[in-house]
Amino acid sequence: MTNAQTEPGSHSSARAGVSRFLARDQEASSSPPRSGFSIARALRTGLVTGLLFAMMLSASAFIALGGEVAFLTAQSTTSLSASEDERLSEINRLIDAGDLTAARQMLADEVASRGETHQTFFLEAKILFREGKYRESLKTLERALSLNQRDAEVYKLVASNAILVNRMDIAEQALKNASQLAPADYTIYFNLGALYYTDSRFPSALPVLEKSATLNPDYVPAQLFLGLTLEELDQEQSAADCYRRAIELAERSGFKGEQPYLYLGRLLYRQNKLDESLPNLQKATKANPQSCEGWCLLARIYSAQGQETDSVAALNQCIQADPKYSEAHYLLSRAYVKQGQAEAAAKELSLFQELRKTEQNRKDPRKNQRANQ
């Protein structure tokens, strides 16, 4: 990473944004954190000086991995262990198991008997996170940080919450803090690299994702995002090698997503290597019959090979999975033209145009506002 990325002063505007965000939340809260302590302050002081992070694995990025990549807290066990405190570890286990009612009751008993600690605040914040109360979870994490700024799991949970309220500045700070405290945690570097990728900061994403892959060479998502990043940096052969490595790992480990096959097939399609692309895309749609991108790429290859019947069948599979997937309707209109079905072609083209208009309006809030006036 460059000096500009780690220079404390380079993130002054991001820190100001964090303060304003948390201030608004605290004004709305009936019980603000004690001591006036804030995440923004914690992230500015001590060993966390100047290390902030921007961006989240957007929803599309998580979807792109078929839900295989859980949020940072999903596999964390905080800094607790059974030998240190069996009771707190049991609460943490209940949260991970999804038994939030039992976890909350046990946590209340723990606080009543032994008082509040940074660990109980963390566990409370984790329950709130699992309940979808992300802002409340963030405010509770402020209280954890007021007591202990050296627990990487707290910062990881801060990042997870910040991602879900679309505060990438907070997420960036928190993930970089976590990486300083837990330099061997490959999930931190993966999420940091994926966030850089989603923010189109590809040169910054590359070394972070490479570190994640080095720390855990068997982690499929790191190989996938490394491949995506290499593609953006015009290193297509290296990208293809990452996808092939991901396929090997997926087949060995039982990874369920279609992405390793889809990404390699898509890259080979763009390189006009249709014969090599085809079997990978067939495996992708077999792994996930709902993969509209896979079906549409298959349809394009079948059409290029003169197999219009197979192309139409693939597109119908896509529409069955998602009737509003606009590309499928466009490709169907072209296929019907080739087959001489003018009326069917016109119908599909009309559907495509309507869906595209809806998509564009959805992406442009100004158009939505005008439409509602």
Foldseek 3Di string as FASTA:
>chain_A
DDPLQQDLVNCPVLLVVQVVVLVVLQVVDPDFAPPPFALSVLCCDDPNNRFWFFFFCAPVNCVLLVVPDDQPLLPDQWPDDCVVPVLLSVLSVCLNVVVLVVSVVSLVVVCVVPNDALSSLQSVLSSCVVVVNLSVSNRSLSNSSVHPSQTLSSLSSQLRSCNVVVSRRSNRSSLRSSCVNPVLDLSSLLGRLSGCVVVVVLVVSQVSLVSSCVSPVLDLSSLQSNLVSCVSVVNNVSSLVSLVSSVVSCVVPVSQALNSLLVNLVSCVVVVVLVVSQVSLVSRCVSPLQPLSSLQSNLVSCVVVVNLVSSLVSLVSNCVSPVLPLSSLQSVLVSCVVVVNNVSSVVSVVSSVVSVVVVVCVVDVVSVVVVVD
